[in-house]
Amino acid sequence: MTSAARTVRVFRESGSRKRLLLDDGVRLLDLSAYLMQKGQPTDLLGLFEAGWFDAGQLNARLPAEDWDDWDEWTPVDIEWDGNAPPGVDVPIDPRDVGKILALGKNYRAHAEEFGEAVPAEPMFFNKLPETLVPHGVVVDVPAWYGGRFDHEAELAVVIGLGGRDIAVEDANEHVAGYTVANDLTLRSLQGSDREKRHPWFRAKNSDGTCPLGPCFVPRDFLDISDLRVTAQVGETLRQDASTRDLVVDVPHAIAALSRHLTLHPGDLILTGTPAGVGPLADGEVCTCAVAGIGELTTTVRRTSHG
């Protein structure tokens, strides 16, 4: 539960600069320059460890809305659409992501659209960090694959404090913040593997099948109890639900996972997708969004399969 009303969104630039940029709801600021000036870590994992994004620390550092003191914070003078500056990268450096753990069938209506029941206990699968790609990219479907290639909009949790056997009541302290994920899935391959009682690994880990972004929102600056989660393809809204409909909420998911393995800073948890998943054709643009975070846009490119 958030104790802060201010907007805070953090972007990571691509290219050689790799600056961290901070949107404070009024302006875009050079977070990397501020951190270097203050002798603070300039990587997100270092900031997680220092508790720098906790509301108790960050609120006091943020400029006032009518701020005009240029000594500490430097505004970034670029044109942007309010969703994401141009050229953003995956908000968490993929080299810092040890594992991506995803909840299956965590919205009741999504389980029902496949004619299945909600699992009796949390069901997880994994995606590899190599699947991570940023907002705005083109994802190529494997040329050999001619089946359904589906979108899945999700709220993603970023772990900031590691641990094992984490209690439900302590779980939020292990969360650094949140972002948006699109769990792209080779659906036909997943179906055939399920019939053979094989894992979902192949269907979930093709290159580029985990778009993430466009930004990172610190835990204390977003109340996730009732956030709208959507996926739009072209002009058609396909997925539309709320995080209040999650079968397993974030604290219980963290507790369940940490019974079986150790969570580390930078690990990602995808919390499940609502009903309405569907196929993406060549050239279609899918925009996944979570209220309070932003819109994650991906273009799909398909070539003839042989």
Protein backbone atom coordinates (compact mmCIF):
# COMPACT_ATOMS: atom_id res chain seq x y z
CA MET A 1 0.00 0.00 0.00
CA THR A 2 1.40 3.36 -0.99
CA SER A 3 1.95 6.17 1.48
CA ALA A 4 2.92 8.67 -1.21
CA ALA A 5 0.68 10.61 -3.57
CA ARG A 6 3.37 11.80 -5.96
CA THR A 7 4.07 10.32 -9.36
CA VAL A 8 7.47 8.69 -9.68
CA ARG A 9 8.45 6.77 -12.80
CA VAL A 10 12.01 5.80 -13.68
CA PHE A 11 13.23 5.17 -17.23
CA ARG A 12 16.52 3.69 -18.40
CA GLU A 13 17.92 5.04 -21.63
CA SER A 14 19.28 2.76 -24.31
CA GLY A 15 22.47 3.38 -26.27
CA SER A 16 25.81 4.44 -24.87
CA ARG A 17 24.55 6.87 -22.19
CA LYS A 18 22.25 4.54 -20.25
CA ARG A 19 21.06 7.41 -18.08
CA LEU A 20 18.33 6.92 -15.54
CA LEU A 21 15.56 9.47 -16.04
CA LEU A 22 12.91 10.31 -13.45
CA ASP A 23 9.41 11.55 -14.21
CA ASP A 24 8.11 13.33 -11.10
CA GLY A 25 4.70 14.04 -12.59
CA VAL A 26 5.72 17.55 -13.63
CA ARG A 27 8.93 17.21 -15.57
CA LEU A 28 11.55 14.73 -16.75
CA LEU A 29 14.76 14.85 -14.68
CA ASP A 30 18.29 13.46 -15.07
CA LEU A 31 18.35 10.99 -12.20
CA SER A 32 21.84 9.69 -13.03
CA ALA A 33 23.34 13.19 -12.78
CA TYR A 34 21.65 13.75 -9.41
CA LEU A 35 22.88 10.40 -8.06
CA MET A 36 26.47 11.04 -9.15
CA GLN A 37 26.38 14.47 -7.55
CA LYS A 38 25.17 12.97 -4.29
CA GLY A 39 27.61 10.03 -4.30
CA GLN A 40 24.77 7.53 -4.58
CA PRO A 41 24.72 4.27 -6.59
CA THR A 42 23.76 4.84 -10.21
CA ASP A 43 22.35 1.37 -10.84
CA LEU A 44 18.89 0.27 -9.78
CA LEU A 45 20.04 -2.75 -7.77
CA GLY A 46 22.38 -0.53 -5.76
CA LEU A 47 19.53 1.89 -5.15
CA PHE A 48 17.26 -0.97 -4.07
CA GLU A 49 19.86 -2.09 -1.53
CA ALA A 50 20.17 1.45 -0.18
CA GLY A 51 16.39 1.81 0.15
CA TRP A 52 16.70 4.93 -1.96
CA PHE A 53 13.27 4.54 -3.57
CA ASP A 54 11.41 4.19 -0.26
CA ALA A 55 8.94 7.04 0.16
CA GLY A 56 10.59 8.06 3.43
CA GLN A 57 13.83 8.75 1.58
CA LEU A 58 12.73 9.78 -1.89
CA ASN A 59 9.91 12.21 -1.04
CA ALA A 60 12.34 14.50 0.72
CA ARG A 61 14.65 14.51 -2.30
CA LEU A 62 12.08 15.25 -4.98
CA PRO A 63 11.80 18.86 -6.14
CA ALA A 64 8.65 20.81 -5.36
CA GLU A 65 6.20 21.24 -8.21
CA ASP A 66 7.12 24.91 -8.55
CA TRP A 67 10.83 24.10 -8.27
CA ASP A 68 13.28 26.37 -10.09
CA ASP A 69 16.53 25.50 -8.27
CA TRP A 70 18.84 24.11 -10.94
CA ASP A 71 21.68 23.21 -8.58
CA GLU A 72 20.60 19.69 -7.59
CA TRP A 73 18.22 18.42 -10.25
CA THR A 74 18.75 18.87 -13.99
CA PRO A 75 15.71 18.79 -16.27
CA VAL A 76 15.98 16.72 -19.44
CA ASP A 77 15.12 18.82 -22.47
CA ILE A 78 13.66 16.31 -24.92
CA GLU A 79 10.28 15.98 -26.55
CA TRP A 80 8.28 13.02 -25.32
CA ASP A 81 4.70 11.83 -25.32
CA GLY A 82 4.23 11.57 -21.55
CA ASN A 83 4.31 7.78 -21.70
CA ALA A 84 7.98 7.15 -22.46
CA PRO A 85 10.93 9.22 -23.69
CA PRO A 86 12.39 8.13 -27.03
CA GLY A 87 14.88 5.29 -26.94
CA VAL A 88 14.10 3.73 -23.58
CA ASP A 89 15.59 0.37 -22.68
CA VAL A 90 14.26 -2.45 -20.52
CA PRO A 91 13.80 -0.67 -17.15
CA ILE A 92 15.76 -3.34 -15.25
CA ASP A 93 19.05 -4.22 -16.94
CA PRO A 94 18.58 -7.82 -18.15
CA ARG A 95 22.07 -8.59 -16.83
CA ASP A 96 20.69 -7.88 -13.35
CA VAL A 97 17.68 -10.19 -13.77
CA GLY A 98 18.49 -13.60 -12.40
CA LYS A 99 15.13 -15.17 -13.20
CA ILE A 100 11.65 -14.39 -14.44
CA LEU A 101 8.89 -16.30 -12.63
CA ALA A 102 5.34 -16.15 -13.93
CA LEU A 103 2.00 -17.09 -12.41
CA GLY A 104 -0.25 -19.22 -14.59
CA LYS A 105 -4.04 -18.93 -14.62
CA ASN A 106 -4.09 -16.24 -11.96
CA TYR A 107 -7.26 -14.58 -13.24
CA ARG A 108 -10.30 -16.82 -12.94
CA ALA A 109 -11.79 -15.66 -16.25
CA HIS A 110 -8.53 -16.43 -18.07
CA ALA A 111 -8.58 -20.00 -16.77
CA GLU A 112 -12.22 -20.30 -17.82
CA GLU A 113 -11.54 -19.12 -21.39
CA PHE A 114 -9.32 -22.20 -21.78
CA GLY A 115 -11.93 -24.44 -20.12
CA GLU A 116 -9.80 -24.97 -17.04
CA ALA A 117 -10.12 -24.43 -13.32
CA VAL A 118 -7.98 -22.13 -11.23
CA PRO A 119 -5.10 -24.19 -9.78
CA ALA A 120 -5.56 -25.34 -6.19
CA GLU A 121 -2.22 -23.76 -5.31
CA PRO A 122 -0.11 -21.14 -7.11
CA MET A 123 1.24 -22.42 -10.42
CA PHE A 124 4.46 -20.95 -11.76
CA PHE A 125 6.53 -21.28 -14.91
CA ASN A 126 9.65 -19.42 -15.96
CA LYS A 127 10.92 -17.20 -18.73
CA LEU A 128 14.58 -16.51 -19.36
CA PRO A 129 16.14 -13.05 -18.96
CA GLU A 130 17.27 -13.39 -22.58
CA THR A 131 13.63 -12.93 -23.65
CA LEU A 132 13.52 -9.35 -22.30
CA VAL A 133 13.08 -6.54 -24.84
CA PRO A 134 12.08 -2.90 -24.29
CA HIS A 135 9.06 -0.79 -25.12
CA GLY A 136 8.63 0.04 -28.79
CA VAL A 137 10.52 -2.83 -30.39
CA VAL A 138 9.61 -5.17 -33.24
CA VAL A 139 9.47 -8.82 -32.16
CA ASP A 140 10.11 -11.44 -34.84
CA VAL A 141 8.09 -14.62 -34.63
CA PRO A 142 10.32 -17.62 -35.48
CA ALA A 143 10.17 -18.19 -39.23
CA TRP A 144 9.46 -21.91 -38.77
CA TYR A 145 6.43 -21.28 -36.56
CA GLY A 146 3.02 -20.89 -38.20
CA GLY A 147 0.72 -21.19 -35.18
CA ARG A 148 -0.89 -18.69 -32.85
CA PHE A 149 1.37 -16.09 -31.31
CA ASP A 150 -0.53 -14.50 -28.40
CA HIS A 151 -0.30 -11.37 -26.28
CA GLU A 152 -0.65 -11.52 -22.48
CA ALA A 153 -0.71 -8.22 -20.56
CA GLU A 154 0.60 -8.44 -17.00
CA LEU A 155 1.64 -6.47 -13.95
CA ALA A 156 5.28 -7.34 -13.25
CA VAL A 157 6.86 -7.18 -9.79
CA VAL A 158 10.53 -6.31 -9.35
CA ILE A 159 12.22 -7.88 -6.32
CA GLY A 160 14.41 -5.46 -4.35
CA LEU A 161 15.27 -7.49 -1.26
CA GLY A 162 16.14 -11.15 -1.54
CA GLY A 163 15.04 -13.90 0.79
CA ARG A 164 13.83 -17.45 1.35
CA ASP A 165 10.69 -18.61 3.22
CA ILE A 166 9.30 -15.08 3.23
CA ALA A 167 6.17 -14.62 5.34
CA VAL A 168 3.09 -13.15 3.65
CA GLU A 169 3.05 -10.24 6.10
CA ASP A 170 6.68 -9.40 5.23
CA ALA A 171 6.44 -9.90 1.48
CA ASN A 172 5.89 -6.27 0.45
CA GLU A 173 9.20 -5.31 2.06
CA HIS A 174 10.88 -7.47 -0.58
CA VAL A 175 9.26 -5.59 -3.48
CA ALA A 176 11.27 -2.83 -5.15
CA GLY A 177 8.51 -1.78 -7.51
CA TYR A 178 6.51 -2.56 -10.61
CA THR A 179 6.47 -2.45 -14.39
CA VAL A 180 4.40 -3.81 -17.31
CA ALA A 181 5.08 -7.09 -19.11
CA ASN A 182 3.74 -8.76 -22.22
CA ASP A 183 4.14 -12.52 -21.82
CA LEU A 184 4.17 -13.32 -25.54
CA THR A 185 3.38 -16.99 -26.08
CA LEU A 186 3.63 -19.48 -28.93
CA ARG A 187 0.13 -20.68 -28.09
CA SER A 188 -0.18 -23.54 -30.56
CA LEU A 189 3.15 -24.94 -29.45
CA GLN A 190 2.10 -24.57 -25.83
CA GLY A 191 -1.06 -26.52 -26.56
CA SER A 192 0.73 -29.39 -28.25
CA ASP A 193 3.33 -29.56 -25.48
CA ARG A 194 0.58 -29.62 -22.86
CA GLU A 195 -1.08 -32.56 -24.63
CA LYS A 196 2.24 -34.42 -24.38
CA ARG A 197 2.55 -33.41 -20.70
CA HIS A 198 5.67 -31.48 -21.56
CA PRO A 199 6.63 -28.20 -19.83
CA TRP A 200 5.70 -24.83 -21.36
CA PHE A 201 9.35 -23.87 -21.69
CA ARG A 202 9.58 -23.77 -25.49
CA ALA A 203 6.35 -21.83 -25.90
CA LYS A 204 7.37 -19.16 -23.41
CA ASN A 205 11.04 -18.56 -24.25
CA SER A 206 11.41 -17.65 -27.88
CA ASP A 207 13.60 -14.58 -28.47
CA GLY A 208 11.88 -11.32 -27.62
CA THR A 209 8.87 -12.87 -25.91
CA CYS A 210 9.05 -10.77 -22.76
CA PRO A 211 8.64 -7.09 -23.60
CA LEU A 212 9.02 -5.10 -20.37
CA GLY A 213 8.50 -1.42 -19.61
CA PRO A 214 8.30 1.35 -20.36
CA CYS A 215 9.40 2.30 -16.85
CA PHE A 216 9.89 1.21 -13.26
CA VAL A 217 7.59 2.56 -10.52
CA PRO A 218 8.86 2.28 -6.92
CA ARG A 219 6.66 0.28 -4.57
CA ASP A 220 5.69 3.15 -2.26
CA PHE A 221 4.45 5.25 -5.17
CA LEU A 222 1.82 2.86 -6.52
CA ASP A 223 -1.15 1.17 -4.85
CA ILE A 224 -1.59 -2.05 -6.82
CA SER A 225 -4.79 -3.20 -5.10
CA ASP A 226 -7.07 -2.07 -7.95
CA LEU A 227 -5.16 -1.24 -11.14
CA ARG A 228 -6.63 -1.61 -14.61
CA VAL A 229 -4.69 -4.09 -16.80
CA THR A 230 -5.37 -3.92 -20.54
CA ALA A 231 -4.13 -5.11 -23.92
CA GLN A 232 -5.14 -3.36 -27.13
CA VAL A 233 -4.35 -4.60 -30.63
CA GLY A 234 -4.78 -1.85 -33.18
CA GLU A 235 -8.07 -0.21 -32.27
CA THR A 236 -9.47 -3.29 -30.51
CA LEU A 237 -9.41 -3.65 -26.73
CA ARG A 238 -8.89 -7.35 -26.07
CA GLN A 239 -7.95 -7.61 -22.39
CA ASP A 240 -9.45 -5.47 -19.65
CA ALA A 241 -9.43 -6.39 -15.96
CA SER A 242 -8.22 -5.21 -12.58
CA THR A 243 -5.51 -6.43 -10.24
CA ARG A 244 -8.24 -6.80 -7.63
CA ASP A 245 -9.25 -9.90 -9.61
CA LEU A 246 -5.92 -11.67 -9.04
CA VAL A 247 -6.50 -15.12 -7.55
CA VAL A 248 -3.10 -15.07 -5.81
CA ASP A 249 -2.05 -11.58 -4.78
CA VAL A 250 1.53 -10.35 -4.76
CA PRO A 251 2.35 -11.08 -1.07
CA HIS A 252 1.02 -14.64 -1.31
CA ALA A 253 2.85 -15.20 -4.61
CA ILE A 254 6.14 -14.08 -3.05
CA ALA A 255 5.56 -16.29 -0.02
CA ALA A 256 4.73 -19.30 -2.19
CA LEU A 257 7.72 -18.86 -4.48
CA SER A 258 10.18 -18.29 -1.67
CA ARG A 259 9.22 -21.62 -0.09
CA HIS A 260 10.85 -23.33 -3.05
CA LEU A 261 13.73 -21.06 -4.05
CA THR A 262 15.62 -17.98 -2.96
CA LEU A 263 14.52 -14.67 -4.47
CA HIS A 264 17.24 -12.17 -5.36
CA PRO A 265 17.21 -8.43 -6.13
CA GLY A 266 16.37 -7.93 -9.78
CA ASP A 267 14.22 -11.06 -10.07
CA LEU A 268 10.89 -10.50 -11.80
CA ILE A 269 7.48 -11.96 -11.00
CA LEU A 270 4.79 -11.79 -13.68
CA THR A 271 1.47 -11.86 -11.87
CA GLY A 272 -0.73 -13.46 -14.53
CA THR A 273 -2.85 -12.27 -17.43
CA PRO A 274 -6.58 -11.48 -17.67
CA ALA A 275 -9.04 -13.09 -20.05
CA GLY A 276 -8.97 -12.02 -23.67
CA VAL A 277 -5.60 -13.30 -24.83
CA GLY A 278 -5.45 -13.62 -28.58
CA PRO A 279 -3.29 -14.03 -31.68
CA LEU A 280 -1.10 -11.35 -33.25
CA ALA A 281 -0.71 -11.14 -37.01
CA ASP A 282 2.17 -9.74 -39.03
CA GLY A 283 2.47 -5.99 -38.55
CA GLU A 284 -0.01 -5.75 -35.69
CA VAL A 285 0.80 -3.44 -32.81
CA CYS A 286 -0.06 -4.58 -29.28
CA THR A 287 -0.19 -2.11 -26.41
CA CYS A 288 -0.24 -3.56 -22.91
CA ALA A 289 -0.94 -1.12 -20.10
CA VAL A 290 -1.22 -1.03 -16.33
CA ALA A 291 -2.75 2.08 -14.77
CA GLY A 292 -0.21 4.22 -12.95
CA ILE A 293 2.73 2.69 -14.82
CA GLY A 294 2.28 3.24 -18.53
CA GLU A 295 1.84 1.66 -21.93
CA LEU A 296 4.15 -1.02 -23.33
CA THR A 297 3.94 -1.20 -27.13
CA THR A 298 5.22 -4.06 -29.28
CA THR A 299 5.02 -4.62 -33.04
CA VAL A 300 4.93 -8.20 -34.34
CA ARG A 301 6.67 -9.29 -37.50
CA ARG A 302 5.92 -12.65 -39.09
CA THR A 303 7.57 -14.25 -42.10
CA SER A 304 6.58 -17.31 -44.09
CA HIS A 305 7.27 -20.52 -42.26
CA GLY A 306 8.72 -23.56 -43.82
